[in-house]
Amino acid sequence: MTIGASAPGQLIATLKHKAENADGQLIEINTWKARLSQYDHVLDSYTKKSLNERTHKVGGKDDDIVQRDLYSAYLAMCIDEKKHLVSRTDAIEHWSSVRHSLEAAVIQAIEMASCRAMPASLGLKELSSVPAFFKRAVRAKIICGEA
């Protein structure tokens, strides 16, 4: 049985249909080739990580930490459709503006976690112990008009 005949295939078909109805398109990514959760657009390198590592140090810097899944989603937006790899040029060009939004999203999740249980897989506990992250995150909230 192929994926096209099962529930994931139906989900992809539905997403493609919805994207087309919104004058958009669904771009399928070869996840094995793109290796989004391993790529660092600043260093232009790949580092294999264990599944329990929920954060990524952009450029290898301790003070530039992002939630790994959100960073992978950002890199997915920068995919070169022909090469099926991240366009480093696009990733570098848009990173400074997108980073603030990602940090604001994590801050919002941390605030929500103070009221209710959140999945450990989000890595919020790991992020909340990084002082440099919070300095930037508070600034991100101000920039996004949420403070």
C-alpha atoms as a PDB file:
ATOM      1  CA  MET A   1       0.000   0.000   0.000  1.00  0.00           C
ATOM      2  CA  THR A   2       1.325   3.449  -0.863  1.00  0.00           C
ATOM      3  CA  ILE A   3       0.957   6.569   1.221  1.00  0.00           C
ATOM      4  CA  GLY A   4      -1.340   8.024  -1.441  1.00  0.00           C
ATOM      5  CA  ALA A   5      -3.986   5.405  -0.653  1.00  0.00           C
ATOM      6  CA  SER A   6      -3.930   5.862   3.121  1.00  0.00           C
ATOM      7  CA  ALA A   7      -4.981   8.549   5.596  1.00  0.00           C
ATOM      8  CA  PRO A   8      -1.747  10.594   5.266  1.00  0.00           C
ATOM      9  CA  GLY A   9      -2.269  10.654   1.495  1.00  0.00           C
ATOM     10  CA  GLN A  10      -5.803  11.937   1.979  1.00  0.00           C
ATOM     11  CA  LEU A  11      -4.513  14.632   4.318  1.00  0.00           C
ATOM     12  CA  ILE A  12      -1.969  15.762   1.722  1.00  0.00           C
ATOM     13  CA  ALA A  13      -4.656  15.816  -0.989  1.00  0.00           C
ATOM     14  CA  THR A  14      -6.923  17.897   1.260  1.00  0.00           C
ATOM     15  CA  LEU A  15      -4.122  20.347   2.084  1.00  0.00           C
ATOM     16  CA  LYS A  16      -3.239  20.674  -1.599  1.00  0.00           C
ATOM     17  CA  HIS A  17      -6.885  21.347  -2.472  1.00  0.00           C
ATOM     18  CA  LYS A  18      -7.233  23.973   0.285  1.00  0.00           C
ATOM     19  CA  ALA A  19      -4.007  25.695  -0.784  1.00  0.00           C
ATOM     20  CA  GLU A  20      -5.179  25.866  -4.397  1.00  0.00           C
ATOM     21  CA  ASN A  21      -8.564  27.255  -3.320  1.00  0.00           C
ATOM     22  CA  ALA A  22      -6.682  30.033  -1.510  1.00  0.00           C
ATOM     23  CA  ASP A  23      -4.630  30.784  -4.655  1.00  0.00           C
ATOM     24  CA  GLY A  24      -1.614  29.132  -3.045  1.00  0.00           C
ATOM     25  CA  GLN A  25       0.244  25.915  -3.548  1.00  0.00           C
ATOM     26  CA  LEU A  26       1.386  22.987  -1.459  1.00  0.00           C
ATOM     27  CA  ILE A  27       5.110  22.413  -1.716  1.00  0.00           C
ATOM     28  CA  GLU A  28       6.175  18.926  -0.722  1.00  0.00           C
ATOM     29  CA  ILE A  29       9.550  18.694   0.984  1.00  0.00           C
ATOM     30  CA  ASN A  30      11.866  15.702   0.890  1.00  0.00           C
ATOM     31  CA  THR A  31      12.502  15.628   4.639  1.00  0.00           C
ATOM     32  CA  TRP A  32      15.338  13.115   4.349  1.00  0.00           C
ATOM     33  CA  LYS A  33      17.215  15.399   1.977  1.00  0.00           C
ATOM     34  CA  ALA A  34      16.340  18.737   3.609  1.00  0.00           C
ATOM     35  CA  ARG A  35      17.171  17.587   7.183  1.00  0.00           C
ATOM     36  CA  LEU A  36      15.531  20.714   8.586  1.00  0.00           C
ATOM     37  CA  SER A  37      16.028  19.901  12.280  1.00  0.00           C
ATOM     38  CA  GLN A  38      19.760  19.326  11.707  1.00  0.00           C
ATOM     39  CA  TYR A  39      20.548  22.400   9.592  1.00  0.00           C
ATOM     40  CA  ASP A  40      21.965  25.692  10.837  1.00  0.00           C
ATOM     41  CA  HIS A  41      21.634  28.484   8.276  1.00  0.00           C
ATOM     42  CA  VAL A  42      24.273  30.674   9.938  1.00  0.00           C
ATOM     43  CA  LEU A  43      26.972  27.987  10.026  1.00  0.00           C
ATOM     44  CA  ASP A  44      25.691  26.358   6.810  1.00  0.00           C
ATOM     45  CA  SER A  45      26.172  22.969   8.435  1.00  0.00           C
ATOM     46  CA  TYR A  46      24.218  19.922   9.590  1.00  0.00           C
ATOM     47  CA  THR A  47      24.432  18.469  13.099  1.00  0.00           C
ATOM     48  CA  LYS A  48      22.575  15.304  14.015  1.00  0.00           C
ATOM     49  CA  LYS A  49      20.512  15.756  17.170  1.00  0.00           C
ATOM     50  CA  SER A  50      18.717  13.335  19.445  1.00  0.00           C
ATOM     51  CA  LEU A  51      14.924  13.502  19.542  1.00  0.00           C
ATOM     52  CA  ASN A  52      14.931  14.833  23.102  1.00  0.00           C
ATOM     53  CA  GLU A  53      16.942  17.938  22.110  1.00  0.00           C
ATOM     54  CA  ARG A  54      14.110  20.455  21.753  1.00  0.00           C
ATOM     55  CA  THR A  55      16.157  23.603  21.178  1.00  0.00           C
ATOM     56  CA  HIS A  56      18.655  24.776  18.572  1.00  0.00           C
ATOM     57  CA  LYS A  57      21.574  27.159  19.068  1.00  0.00           C
ATOM     58  CA  VAL A  58      21.557  29.283  15.912  1.00  0.00           C
ATOM     59  CA  GLY A  59      25.120  29.826  14.764  1.00  0.00           C
ATOM     60  CA  GLY A  60      26.249  27.648  17.678  1.00  0.00           C
ATOM     61  CA  LYS A  61      25.759  30.591  20.051  1.00  0.00           C
ATOM     62  CA  ASP A  62      24.510  30.013  23.594  1.00  0.00           C
ATOM     63  CA  ASP A  63      22.612  33.301  23.493  1.00  0.00           C
ATOM     64  CA  ASP A  64      20.734  32.579  20.250  1.00  0.00           C
ATOM     65  CA  ILE A  65      18.510  29.644  21.163  1.00  0.00           C
ATOM     66  CA  VAL A  66      15.216  28.814  19.448  1.00  0.00           C
ATOM     67  CA  GLN A  67      12.616  26.083  19.824  1.00  0.00           C
ATOM     68  CA  ARG A  68      13.698  23.370  17.387  1.00  0.00           C
ATOM     69  CA  ASP A  69      10.338  22.659  15.722  1.00  0.00           C
ATOM     70  CA  LEU A  70       9.615  26.346  15.147  1.00  0.00           C
ATOM     71  CA  TYR A  71      13.085  26.788  13.652  1.00  0.00           C
ATOM     72  CA  SER A  72      12.514  23.789  11.360  1.00  0.00           C
ATOM     73  CA  ALA A  73       9.204  25.307  10.235  1.00  0.00           C
ATOM     74  CA  TYR A  74      11.019  28.557   9.441  1.00  0.00           C
ATOM     75  CA  LEU A  75      13.630  26.683   7.411  1.00  0.00           C
ATOM     76  CA  ALA A  76      10.823  24.874   5.553  1.00  0.00           C
ATOM     77  CA  MET A  77       9.600  28.276   4.372  1.00  0.00           C
ATOM     78  CA  CYS A  78      13.063  28.850   2.869  1.00  0.00           C
ATOM     79  CA  ILE A  79      13.221  25.639   0.804  1.00  0.00           C
ATOM     80  CA  ASP A  80      14.613  25.849  -2.723  1.00  0.00           C
ATOM     81  CA  GLU A  81      11.993  23.793  -4.590  1.00  0.00           C
ATOM     82  CA  LYS A  82      14.428  22.598  -7.262  1.00  0.00           C
ATOM     83  CA  LYS A  83      17.247  21.499  -4.952  1.00  0.00           C
ATOM     84  CA  HIS A  84      14.979  20.356  -2.087  1.00  0.00           C
ATOM     85  CA  LEU A  85      17.376  22.077   0.315  1.00  0.00           C
ATOM     86  CA  VAL A  86      17.165  25.219   2.420  1.00  0.00           C
ATOM     87  CA  SER A  87      18.067  28.354   0.486  1.00  0.00           C
ATOM     88  CA  ARG A  88      20.672  29.764   2.839  1.00  0.00           C
ATOM     89  CA  THR A  89      20.342  33.173   1.178  1.00  0.00           C
ATOM     90  CA  ASP A  90      16.596  33.300   1.920  1.00  0.00           C
ATOM     91  CA  ALA A  91      17.108  32.012   5.466  1.00  0.00           C
ATOM     92  CA  ILE A  92      19.708  34.676   6.236  1.00  0.00           C
ATOM     93  CA  GLU A  93      17.674  37.439   4.587  1.00  0.00           C
ATOM     94  CA  HIS A  94      14.502  36.855   6.610  1.00  0.00           C
ATOM     95  CA  TRP A  95      15.901  35.525   9.902  1.00  0.00           C
ATOM     96  CA  SER A  96      16.149  38.769  11.881  1.00  0.00           C
ATOM     97  CA  SER A  97      12.472  39.608  11.364  1.00  0.00           C
ATOM     98  CA  VAL A  98      11.118  36.073  11.796  1.00  0.00           C
ATOM     99  CA  ARG A  99      13.174  35.409  14.925  1.00  0.00           C
ATOM    100  CA  HIS A 100      11.163  37.969  16.899  1.00  0.00           C
ATOM    101  CA  SER A 101       7.895  36.231  15.990  1.00  0.00           C
ATOM    102  CA  LEU A 102       9.267  32.810  16.964  1.00  0.00           C
ATOM    103  CA  GLU A 103      10.459  34.145  20.308  1.00  0.00           C
ATOM    104  CA  ALA A 104       7.096  35.799  20.952  1.00  0.00           C
ATOM    105  CA  ALA A 105       5.348  32.489  20.211  1.00  0.00           C
ATOM    106  CA  VAL A 106       7.555  30.678  22.729  1.00  0.00           C
ATOM    107  CA  ILE A 107       6.954  33.365  25.358  1.00  0.00           C
ATOM    108  CA  GLN A 108       3.218  32.976  24.833  1.00  0.00           C
ATOM    109  CA  ALA A 109       3.549  29.195  25.225  1.00  0.00           C
ATOM    110  CA  ILE A 110       5.580  29.636  28.425  1.00  0.00           C
ATOM    111  CA  GLU A 111       2.905  31.977  29.791  1.00  0.00           C
ATOM    112  CA  MET A 112       0.219  29.428  28.918  1.00  0.00           C
ATOM    113  CA  ALA A 113       2.296  26.710  30.597  1.00  0.00           C
ATOM    114  CA  SER A 114       2.152  28.650  33.856  1.00  0.00           C
ATOM    115  CA  CYS A 115      -1.636  28.130  33.833  1.00  0.00           C
ATOM    116  CA  ARG A 116      -1.807  24.564  32.508  1.00  0.00           C
ATOM    117  CA  ALA A 117       0.326  21.587  31.613  1.00  0.00           C
ATOM    118  CA  MET A 118       2.170  21.734  28.303  1.00  0.00           C
ATOM    119  CA  PRO A 119       3.905  18.849  26.527  1.00  0.00           C
ATOM    120  CA  ALA A 120       7.543  18.415  27.559  1.00  0.00           C
ATOM    121  CA  SER A 121       8.351  17.930  23.874  1.00  0.00           C
ATOM    122  CA  LEU A 122       8.046  21.698  23.364  1.00  0.00           C
ATOM    123  CA  GLY A 123      11.288  22.250  25.277  1.00  0.00           C
ATOM    124  CA  LEU A 124       9.825  25.141  27.268  1.00  0.00           C
ATOM    125  CA  LYS A 125      11.604  24.110  30.466  1.00  0.00           C
ATOM    126  CA  GLU A 126      14.928  24.125  28.634  1.00  0.00           C
ATOM    127  CA  LEU A 127      14.214  27.532  27.075  1.00  0.00           C
ATOM    128  CA  SER A 128      12.978  29.084  30.313  1.00  0.00           C
ATOM    129  CA  SER A 129      16.355  28.409  31.952  1.00  0.00           C
ATOM    130  CA  VAL A 130      18.244  30.518  29.388  1.00  0.00           C
ATOM    131  CA  PRO A 131      18.562  34.128  30.650  1.00  0.00           C
ATOM    132  CA  ALA A 132      19.689  35.499  27.277  1.00  0.00           C
ATOM    133  CA  PHE A 133      16.590  34.029  25.658  1.00  0.00           C
ATOM    134  CA  PHE A 134      14.332  35.939  28.032  1.00  0.00           C
ATOM    135  CA  LYS A 135      16.082  39.254  27.448  1.00  0.00           C
ATOM    136  CA  ARG A 136      15.486  38.880  23.711  1.00  0.00           C
ATOM    137  CA  ALA A 137      12.001  37.454  24.195  1.00  0.00           C
ATOM    138  CA  VAL A 138      10.835  40.424  26.270  1.00  0.00           C
ATOM    139  CA  ARG A 139      12.209  42.694  23.541  1.00  0.00           C
ATOM    140  CA  ALA A 140      10.340  40.573  20.963  1.00  0.00           C
ATOM    141  CA  LYS A 141       7.079  41.067  22.845  1.00  0.00           C
ATOM    142  CA  ILE A 142       7.609  44.818  22.788  1.00  0.00           C
ATOM    143  CA  ILE A 143       8.416  44.771  19.053  1.00  0.00           C
ATOM    144  CA  CYS A 144       5.335  42.651  18.329  1.00  0.00           C
ATOM    145  CA  GLY A 145       3.206  45.087  20.352  1.00  0.00           C
ATOM    146  CA  GLU A 146       2.269  42.566  23.016  1.00  0.00           C
ATOM    147  CA  ALA A 147       3.885  44.166  26.064  1.00  0.00           C
END
